[in-house]
């Protein structure tokens, strides 16, 4: 139990910018940290949904509300997943040989493809929230959970890139139990989203499918799974989930 609690706080401290009350690190708990990745998503989704609910109650449904709702998931995660998105944009869109794409992925400098990718991402999400019906606020709660379940499953199941942190201790210590827990959490989140929000809750399934698609794209283009690909897929999956609310 102590190891599980430590793994939870490790996930909180690494993947969320909300101050963690208990900063601990235990290498033995590291394989379980990914299991608590969706819990971070639930915290993000709760703030996201609450903000949308309040904007609806207050009648703020214009550009200001759209800007705040666009920014919330990036600020609450300390931009860590957005960083992976930017790195993958530079690497994948360079259309170079695999070795060069992997080198670009690890380059700390921001290239033009990353800048353009961020512009289109923010523009798309902002436009979607500009037309967002705040009556669908419940659907936002579990979108971040599903995106993290999918990318967590990718981390535990797919071959890691040779230069990734997952090629070391985490991958070596991986157990089937983590994969089973994440799969169960994903199914529960998908079902819960529909039960909670009705038809708009299907946006969680769109998010999960989008995240899986971009995991596949990233792994195919970059030769293995990595934290950057996780951020890339998570960010785009959530954007697709939000966009789908315009049609659900």
C-alpha atoms as a PDB file:
ATOM      1  CA  UNK A   1       0.000   0.000   0.000  1.00  0.00           C
ATOM      2  CA  UNK A   2       2.819   2.394   0.830  1.00  0.00           C
ATOM      3  CA  UNK A   3       4.424   1.729  -2.557  1.00  0.00           C
ATOM      4  CA  UNK A   4       1.120   2.444  -4.345  1.00  0.00           C
ATOM      5  CA  UNK A   5       0.703   5.700  -2.465  1.00  0.00           C
ATOM      6  CA  UNK A   6       4.249   6.683  -3.366  1.00  0.00           C
ATOM      7  CA  UNK A   7       3.580   5.848  -7.032  1.00  0.00           C
ATOM      8  CA  UNK A   8       0.492   8.080  -6.926  1.00  0.00           C
ATOM      9  CA  UNK A   9       2.437  11.037  -5.570  1.00  0.00           C
ATOM     10  CA  UNK A  10       5.220  10.384  -8.100  1.00  0.00           C
ATOM     11  CA  UNK A  11       2.692  10.598 -10.939  1.00  0.00           C
ATOM     12  CA  UNK A  12       1.184  13.746  -9.439  1.00  0.00           C
ATOM     13  CA  UNK A  13       4.553  15.436  -9.081  1.00  0.00           C
ATOM     14  CA  UNK A  14       5.732  14.502 -12.573  1.00  0.00           C
ATOM     15  CA  UNK A  15       2.614  15.027 -14.683  1.00  0.00           C
ATOM     16  CA  UNK A  16       0.691  17.807 -12.920  1.00  0.00           C
ATOM     17  CA  UNK A  17       1.583  21.396 -12.078  1.00  0.00           C
ATOM     18  CA  UNK A  18      -0.793  21.518  -9.104  1.00  0.00           C
ATOM     19  CA  UNK A  19       1.584  21.545  -6.101  1.00  0.00           C
ATOM     20  CA  UNK A  20       2.101  18.034  -4.756  1.00  0.00           C
ATOM     21  CA  UNK A  21       1.800  17.851  -0.937  1.00  0.00           C
ATOM     22  CA  UNK A  22       4.106  14.847  -0.651  1.00  0.00           C
ATOM     23  CA  UNK A  23       7.197  14.818  -2.828  1.00  0.00           C
ATOM     24  CA  UNK A  24       8.619  11.299  -2.821  1.00  0.00           C
ATOM     25  CA  UNK A  25      10.547   9.159  -5.249  1.00  0.00           C
ATOM     26  CA  UNK A  26      11.023   5.412  -4.957  1.00  0.00           C
ATOM     27  CA  UNK A  27      12.538   3.638  -7.957  1.00  0.00           C
ATOM     28  CA  UNK A  28      10.796   0.449  -6.881  1.00  0.00           C
ATOM     29  CA  UNK A  29       7.421   2.197  -7.284  1.00  0.00           C
ATOM     30  CA  UNK A  30       8.237   3.572 -10.726  1.00  0.00           C
ATOM     31  CA  UNK A  31       6.541   0.750 -12.703  1.00  0.00           C
ATOM     32  CA  UNK A  32       3.275   1.576 -10.936  1.00  0.00           C
ATOM     33  CA  UNK A  33       3.498   5.309 -11.573  1.00  0.00           C
ATOM     34  CA  UNK A  34       1.905   4.917 -15.019  1.00  0.00           C
ATOM     35  CA  UNK A  35      -1.196   3.356 -13.412  1.00  0.00           C
ATOM     36  CA  UNK A  36      -1.882   6.658 -11.652  1.00  0.00           C
ATOM     37  CA  UNK A  37      -1.434   8.680 -14.840  1.00  0.00           C
ATOM     38  CA  UNK A  38      -5.230   8.609 -15.452  1.00  0.00           C
ATOM     39  CA  UNK A  39      -5.780   9.933 -11.904  1.00  0.00           C
ATOM     40  CA  UNK A  40      -3.907  13.059 -12.949  1.00  0.00           C
ATOM     41  CA  UNK A  41      -6.215  13.217 -15.960  1.00  0.00           C
ATOM     42  CA  UNK A  42      -9.233  13.050 -13.664  1.00  0.00           C
ATOM     43  CA  UNK A  43      -7.951  16.081 -11.746  1.00  0.00           C
ATOM     44  CA  UNK A  44      -7.428  17.965 -15.010  1.00  0.00           C
ATOM     45  CA  UNK A  45     -10.866  16.932 -16.260  1.00  0.00           C
ATOM     46  CA  UNK A  46     -12.524  17.997 -13.012  1.00  0.00           C
ATOM     47  CA  UNK A  47     -11.107  21.522 -13.255  1.00  0.00           C
ATOM     48  CA  UNK A  48     -11.918  21.633 -16.973  1.00  0.00           C
ATOM     49  CA  UNK A  49     -15.533  20.554 -16.449  1.00  0.00           C
ATOM     50  CA  UNK A  50     -16.012  22.851 -13.446  1.00  0.00           C
ATOM     51  CA  UNK A  51     -14.740  25.850 -15.410  1.00  0.00           C
ATOM     52  CA  UNK A  52     -17.113  25.074 -18.295  1.00  0.00           C
ATOM     53  CA  UNK A  53     -19.993  24.669 -15.839  1.00  0.00           C
ATOM     54  CA  UNK A  54     -19.268  27.991 -14.160  1.00  0.00           C
ATOM     55  CA  UNK A  55     -18.941  29.811 -17.462  1.00  0.00           C
ATOM     56  CA  UNK A  56     -22.318  28.414 -18.467  1.00  0.00           C
ATOM     57  CA  UNK A  57     -23.924  29.528 -15.202  1.00  0.00           C
ATOM     58  CA  UNK A  58     -22.390  32.988 -15.452  1.00  0.00           C
ATOM     59  CA  UNK A  59     -23.277  33.399 -19.117  1.00  0.00           C
ATOM     60  CA  UNK A  60     -19.632  33.689 -20.242  1.00  0.00           C
ATOM     61  CA  UNK A  61     -19.794  31.726 -23.480  1.00  0.00           C
ATOM     62  CA  UNK A  62     -17.707  33.967 -25.728  1.00  0.00           C
ATOM     63  CA  UNK A  63     -14.038  34.319 -26.587  1.00  0.00           C
ATOM     64  CA  UNK A  64     -12.866  34.785 -23.011  1.00  0.00           C
ATOM     65  CA  UNK A  65     -14.368  31.478 -21.935  1.00  0.00           C
ATOM     66  CA  UNK A  66     -12.953  29.791 -25.037  1.00  0.00           C
ATOM     67  CA  UNK A  67      -9.465  31.097 -24.258  1.00  0.00           C
ATOM     68  CA  UNK A  68      -9.570  29.913 -20.635  1.00  0.00           C
ATOM     69  CA  UNK A  69     -10.956  26.475 -21.535  1.00  0.00           C
ATOM     70  CA  UNK A  70      -8.278  26.106 -24.202  1.00  0.00           C
ATOM     71  CA  UNK A  71      -5.500  26.943 -21.748  1.00  0.00           C
ATOM     72  CA  UNK A  72      -6.606  24.908 -18.728  1.00  0.00           C
ATOM     73  CA  UNK A  73      -5.215  21.452 -19.652  1.00  0.00           C
ATOM     74  CA  UNK A  74      -1.862  22.895 -20.716  1.00  0.00           C
ATOM     75  CA  UNK A  75      -1.404  24.980 -17.571  1.00  0.00           C
ATOM     76  CA  UNK A  76      -2.502  22.191 -15.240  1.00  0.00           C
ATOM     77  CA  UNK A  77       0.081  19.831 -16.708  1.00  0.00           C
ATOM     78  CA  UNK A  78       2.911  22.356 -16.766  1.00  0.00           C
ATOM     79  CA  UNK A  79       3.031  22.095 -20.585  1.00  0.00           C
ATOM     80  CA  UNK A  80       4.874  18.764 -20.266  1.00  0.00           C
ATOM     81  CA  UNK A  81       2.700  16.991 -22.858  1.00  0.00           C
ATOM     82  CA  UNK A  82       2.676  19.998 -25.143  1.00  0.00           C
ATOM     83  CA  UNK A  83       6.479  19.807 -25.155  1.00  0.00           C
ATOM     84  CA  UNK A  84       6.258  16.254 -26.506  1.00  0.00           C
ATOM     85  CA  UNK A  85       3.776  17.404 -29.130  1.00  0.00           C
ATOM     86  CA  UNK A  86       6.149  20.128 -30.312  1.00  0.00           C
ATOM     87  CA  UNK A  87       9.131  17.764 -30.456  1.00  0.00           C
ATOM     88  CA  UNK A  88       7.177  15.205 -32.464  1.00  0.00           C
ATOM     89  CA  UNK A  89       5.914  17.855 -34.889  1.00  0.00           C
ATOM     90  CA  UNK A  90       9.488  18.883 -35.657  1.00  0.00           C
ATOM     91  CA  UNK A  91      10.668  15.293 -36.034  1.00  0.00           C
ATOM     92  CA  UNK A  92       7.771  13.740 -37.948  1.00  0.00           C
ATOM     93  CA  UNK A  93       7.096  16.658 -40.282  1.00  0.00           C
ATOM     94  CA  UNK A  94      10.785  16.940 -41.228  1.00  0.00           C
ATOM     95  CA  UNK A  95      10.325  13.862 -43.475  1.00  0.00           C
ATOM     96  CA  UNK A  96      13.976  12.899 -42.994  1.00  0.00           C
ATOM     97  CA  UNK A  97      15.506   9.471 -42.523  1.00  0.00           C
ATOM     98  CA  UNK A  98      14.685   7.672 -39.265  1.00  0.00           C
ATOM     99  CA  UNK A  99      18.018   8.409 -37.586  1.00  0.00           C
ATOM    100  CA  UNK A 100      17.675  12.100 -38.394  1.00  0.00           C
ATOM    101  CA  UNK A 101      14.074  12.180 -37.154  1.00  0.00           C
ATOM    102  CA  UNK A 102      15.204  10.661 -33.866  1.00  0.00           C
ATOM    103  CA  UNK A 103      17.983  13.224 -33.592  1.00  0.00           C
ATOM    104  CA  UNK A 104      15.534  16.066 -34.221  1.00  0.00           C
ATOM    105  CA  UNK A 105      13.205  14.628 -31.577  1.00  0.00           C
ATOM    106  CA  UNK A 106      15.919  15.028 -28.939  1.00  0.00           C
ATOM    107  CA  UNK A 107      17.034  18.467 -30.135  1.00  0.00           C
ATOM    108  CA  UNK A 108      16.093  21.017 -27.428  1.00  0.00           C
ATOM    109  CA  UNK A 109      15.577  23.776 -30.001  1.00  0.00           C
ATOM    110  CA  UNK A 110      12.114  24.580 -31.319  1.00  0.00           C
ATOM    111  CA  UNK A 111      11.760  24.377 -35.089  1.00  0.00           C
ATOM    112  CA  UNK A 112       9.306  25.893 -37.528  1.00  0.00           C
ATOM    113  CA  UNK A 113       7.157  22.743 -37.708  1.00  0.00           C
ATOM    114  CA  UNK A 114       6.655  22.864 -33.937  1.00  0.00           C
ATOM    115  CA  UNK A 115       5.611  26.511 -34.077  1.00  0.00           C
ATOM    116  CA  UNK A 116       3.164  25.881 -36.916  1.00  0.00           C
ATOM    117  CA  UNK A 117       1.817  22.782 -35.207  1.00  0.00           C
ATOM    118  CA  UNK A 118       1.183  24.708 -31.990  1.00  0.00           C
ATOM    119  CA  UNK A 119      -0.546  27.525 -33.888  1.00  0.00           C
ATOM    120  CA  UNK A 120      -2.926  25.130 -35.631  1.00  0.00           C
ATOM    121  CA  UNK A 121      -3.527  23.181 -32.404  1.00  0.00           C
ATOM    122  CA  UNK A 122      -4.417  26.280 -30.379  1.00  0.00           C
ATOM    123  CA  UNK A 123      -6.487  27.724 -33.213  1.00  0.00           C
ATOM    124  CA  UNK A 124      -8.458  24.502 -33.602  1.00  0.00           C
ATOM    125  CA  UNK A 125      -9.158  23.980 -29.901  1.00  0.00           C
ATOM    126  CA  UNK A 126      -9.958  27.665 -29.383  1.00  0.00           C
ATOM    127  CA  UNK A 127     -12.411  27.623 -32.322  1.00  0.00           C
ATOM    128  CA  UNK A 128     -14.052  24.464 -30.969  1.00  0.00           C
ATOM    129  CA  UNK A 129     -14.540  26.068 -27.555  1.00  0.00           C
ATOM    130  CA  UNK A 130     -15.784  29.227 -29.244  1.00  0.00           C
ATOM    131  CA  UNK A 131     -18.800  27.219 -30.434  1.00  0.00           C
ATOM    132  CA  UNK A 132     -18.929  25.003 -27.346  1.00  0.00           C
ATOM    133  CA  UNK A 133     -22.257  24.418 -25.604  1.00  0.00           C
ATOM    134  CA  UNK A 134     -21.496  24.693 -21.893  1.00  0.00           C
ATOM    135  CA  UNK A 135     -24.438  22.396 -21.254  1.00  0.00           C
ATOM    136  CA  UNK A 136     -22.087  19.600 -22.326  1.00  0.00           C
ATOM    137  CA  UNK A 137     -19.613  20.366 -19.539  1.00  0.00           C
ATOM    138  CA  UNK A 138     -19.849  16.848 -18.084  1.00  0.00           C
ATOM    139  CA  UNK A 139     -18.223  15.416 -21.204  1.00  0.00           C
ATOM    140  CA  UNK A 140     -14.962  17.214 -20.399  1.00  0.00           C
ATOM    141  CA  UNK A 141     -14.485  15.313 -17.144  1.00  0.00           C
ATOM    142  CA  UNK A 142     -13.256  12.000 -18.553  1.00  0.00           C
ATOM    143  CA  UNK A 143     -11.611  13.060 -21.816  1.00  0.00           C
ATOM    144  CA  UNK A 144      -8.210  13.556 -20.088  1.00  0.00           C
ATOM    145  CA  UNK A 145      -8.621  10.207 -18.319  1.00  0.00           C
ATOM    146  CA  UNK A 146      -9.131   8.327 -21.588  1.00  0.00           C
ATOM    147  CA  UNK A 147      -6.202  10.023 -23.321  1.00  0.00           C
ATOM    148  CA  UNK A 148      -3.915   9.016 -20.445  1.00  0.00           C
ATOM    149  CA  UNK A 149      -5.227   5.447 -20.314  1.00  0.00           C
ATOM    150  CA  UNK A 150      -4.462   4.985 -24.008  1.00  0.00           C
ATOM    151  CA  UNK A 151      -0.993   6.490 -23.857  1.00  0.00           C
ATOM    152  CA  UNK A 152      -0.288   4.620 -20.624  1.00  0.00           C
ATOM    153  CA  UNK A 153      -1.199   1.367 -22.368  1.00  0.00           C
ATOM    154  CA  UNK A 154       1.103   2.308 -25.233  1.00  0.00           C
ATOM    155  CA  UNK A 155       3.970   2.818 -22.778  1.00  0.00           C
ATOM    156  CA  UNK A 156       3.418  -0.569 -21.137  1.00  0.00           C
ATOM    157  CA  UNK A 157       2.751  -2.562 -24.312  1.00  0.00           C
ATOM    158  CA  UNK A 158       4.818  -1.109 -27.164  1.00  0.00           C
ATOM    159  CA  UNK A 159       8.519  -1.425 -27.838  1.00  0.00           C
ATOM    160  CA  UNK A 160      10.315   1.674 -26.547  1.00  0.00           C
ATOM    161  CA  UNK A 161      12.557   3.817 -28.678  1.00  0.00           C
ATOM    162  CA  UNK A 162      16.208   3.082 -27.959  1.00  0.00           C
ATOM    163  CA  UNK A 163      16.834   6.628 -26.716  1.00  0.00           C
ATOM    164  CA  UNK A 164      13.702   6.783 -24.581  1.00  0.00           C
ATOM    165  CA  UNK A 165      13.644   6.704 -20.796  1.00  0.00           C
ATOM    166  CA  UNK A 166      11.278   3.750 -21.133  1.00  0.00           C
ATOM    167  CA  UNK A 167      14.073   1.643 -22.593  1.00  0.00           C
ATOM    168  CA  UNK A 168      15.684   1.516 -19.157  1.00  0.00           C
ATOM    169  CA  UNK A 169      14.401   0.653 -15.735  1.00  0.00           C
ATOM    170  CA  UNK A 170      10.717   1.285 -16.329  1.00  0.00           C
ATOM    171  CA  UNK A 171      10.479  -1.093 -19.247  1.00  0.00           C
ATOM    172  CA  UNK A 172      12.571  -3.748 -17.543  1.00  0.00           C
ATOM    173  CA  UNK A 173      10.322  -3.711 -14.490  1.00  0.00           C
ATOM    174  CA  UNK A 174       7.038  -3.662 -16.408  1.00  0.00           C
ATOM    175  CA  UNK A 175       4.424  -6.197 -15.352  1.00  0.00           C
ATOM    176  CA  UNK A 176       1.201  -7.400 -16.913  1.00  0.00           C
ATOM    177  CA  UNK A 177      -0.740  -6.085 -13.918  1.00  0.00           C
ATOM    178  CA  UNK A 178      -0.206  -2.454 -14.957  1.00  0.00           C
ATOM    179  CA  UNK A 179      -1.534  -3.146 -18.444  1.00  0.00           C
ATOM    180  CA  UNK A 180      -4.637  -4.871 -17.068  1.00  0.00           C
ATOM    181  CA  UNK A 181      -5.378  -2.036 -14.657  1.00  0.00           C
ATOM    182  CA  UNK A 182      -5.024   0.601 -17.375  1.00  0.00           C
ATOM    183  CA  UNK A 183      -7.265  -1.361 -19.748  1.00  0.00           C
ATOM    184  CA  UNK A 184      -9.918  -1.688 -17.045  1.00  0.00           C
ATOM    185  CA  UNK A 185      -9.688   2.032 -16.268  1.00  0.00           C
ATOM    186  CA  UNK A 186     -10.105   2.880 -19.953  1.00  0.00           C
ATOM    187  CA  UNK A 187     -13.242   0.757 -20.279  1.00  0.00           C
ATOM    188  CA  UNK A 188     -14.650   2.243 -17.079  1.00  0.00           C
ATOM    189  CA  UNK A 189     -13.922   5.800 -18.252  1.00  0.00           C
ATOM    190  CA  UNK A 190     -15.528   5.200 -21.655  1.00  0.00           C
ATOM    191  CA  UNK A 191     -18.660   3.754 -20.093  1.00  0.00           C
ATOM    192  CA  UNK A 192     -18.744   6.350 -17.335  1.00  0.00           C
ATOM    193  CA  UNK A 193     -18.505   9.209 -19.803  1.00  0.00           C
ATOM    194  CA  UNK A 194     -21.608   8.059 -21.657  1.00  0.00           C
ATOM    195  CA  UNK A 195     -23.519   7.390 -18.435  1.00  0.00           C
ATOM    196  CA  UNK A 196     -22.573  10.789 -17.063  1.00  0.00           C
ATOM    197  CA  UNK A 197     -22.976  12.972 -20.152  1.00  0.00           C
ATOM    198  CA  UNK A 198     -25.156  10.969 -22.538  1.00  0.00           C
ATOM    199  CA  UNK A 199     -24.402  11.365 -26.229  1.00  0.00           C
ATOM    200  CA  UNK A 200     -21.720  14.086 -25.681  1.00  0.00           C
ATOM    201  CA  UNK A 201     -19.937  11.517 -23.546  1.00  0.00           C
ATOM    202  CA  UNK A 202     -18.974   9.719 -26.749  1.00  0.00           C
ATOM    203  CA  UNK A 203     -16.314  12.415 -27.093  1.00  0.00           C
ATOM    204  CA  UNK A 204     -14.215  10.325 -24.686  1.00  0.00           C
ATOM    205  CA  UNK A 205     -14.259   7.473 -27.209  1.00  0.00           C
ATOM    206  CA  UNK A 206     -13.252   9.891 -29.972  1.00  0.00           C
ATOM    207  CA  UNK A 207     -10.389  11.080 -27.775  1.00  0.00           C
ATOM    208  CA  UNK A 208      -9.253   7.507 -27.076  1.00  0.00           C
ATOM    209  CA  UNK A 209      -9.414   6.554 -30.747  1.00  0.00           C
ATOM    210  CA  UNK A 210      -7.536   9.700 -31.745  1.00  0.00           C
ATOM    211  CA  UNK A 211      -4.848   9.117 -29.136  1.00  0.00           C
ATOM    212  CA  UNK A 212      -4.406   5.520 -30.324  1.00  0.00           C
ATOM    213  CA  UNK A 213      -4.144   6.684 -33.929  1.00  0.00           C
ATOM    214  CA  UNK A 214      -1.437   9.218 -33.148  1.00  0.00           C
ATOM    215  CA  UNK A 215       0.449   6.748 -30.971  1.00  0.00           C
ATOM    216  CA  UNK A 216       0.543   4.443 -34.002  1.00  0.00           C
ATOM    217  CA  UNK A 217       1.645   7.323 -36.215  1.00  0.00           C
ATOM    218  CA  UNK A 218       4.372   8.414 -33.823  1.00  0.00           C
ATOM    219  CA  UNK A 219       5.743   4.924 -33.234  1.00  0.00           C
ATOM    220  CA  UNK A 220       5.784   4.172 -36.950  1.00  0.00           C
ATOM    221  CA  UNK A 221       7.555   7.414 -37.794  1.00  0.00           C
ATOM    222  CA  UNK A 222      10.044   7.432 -34.915  1.00  0.00           C
ATOM    223  CA  UNK A 223      10.883   3.784 -34.429  1.00  0.00           C
ATOM    224  CA  UNK A 224       9.414   3.090 -30.995  1.00  0.00           C
ATOM    225  CA  UNK A 225       7.424   4.471 -28.089  1.00  0.00           C
ATOM    226  CA  UNK A 226       8.650   7.419 -26.031  1.00  0.00           C
ATOM    227  CA  UNK A 227       7.440  10.075 -23.618  1.00  0.00           C
ATOM    228  CA  UNK A 228       7.356  12.608 -26.446  1.00  0.00           C
ATOM    229  CA  UNK A 229       5.043  10.374 -28.472  1.00  0.00           C
ATOM    230  CA  UNK A 230       2.835   9.988 -25.421  1.00  0.00           C
ATOM    231  CA  UNK A 231       2.507  13.787 -25.172  1.00  0.00           C
ATOM    232  CA  UNK A 232       1.959  14.064 -28.920  1.00  0.00           C
ATOM    233  CA  UNK A 233      -0.866  11.509 -28.945  1.00  0.00           C
ATOM    234  CA  UNK A 234      -2.437  12.730 -25.707  1.00  0.00           C
ATOM    235  CA  UNK A 235      -2.548  16.344 -26.876  1.00  0.00           C
ATOM    236  CA  UNK A 236      -4.060  15.547 -30.262  1.00  0.00           C
ATOM    237  CA  UNK A 237      -6.467  12.986 -28.832  1.00  0.00           C
ATOM    238  CA  UNK A 238      -7.883  15.527 -26.404  1.00  0.00           C
ATOM    239  CA  UNK A 239      -8.156  18.124 -29.171  1.00  0.00           C
ATOM    240  CA  UNK A 240     -10.179  15.673 -31.272  1.00  0.00           C
ATOM    241  CA  UNK A 241     -12.366  14.868 -28.271  1.00  0.00           C
ATOM    242  CA  UNK A 242     -13.162  18.546 -27.759  1.00  0.00           C
ATOM    243  CA  UNK A 243     -13.814  19.081 -31.470  1.00  0.00           C
ATOM    244  CA  UNK A 244     -16.208  16.127 -31.564  1.00  0.00           C
ATOM    245  CA  UNK A 245     -18.444  17.872 -29.023  1.00  0.00           C
ATOM    246  CA  UNK A 246     -19.538  20.187 -31.806  1.00  0.00           C
ATOM    247  CA  UNK A 247     -21.301  17.226 -33.427  1.00  0.00           C
ATOM    248  CA  UNK A 248     -22.471  15.198 -30.413  1.00  0.00           C
END
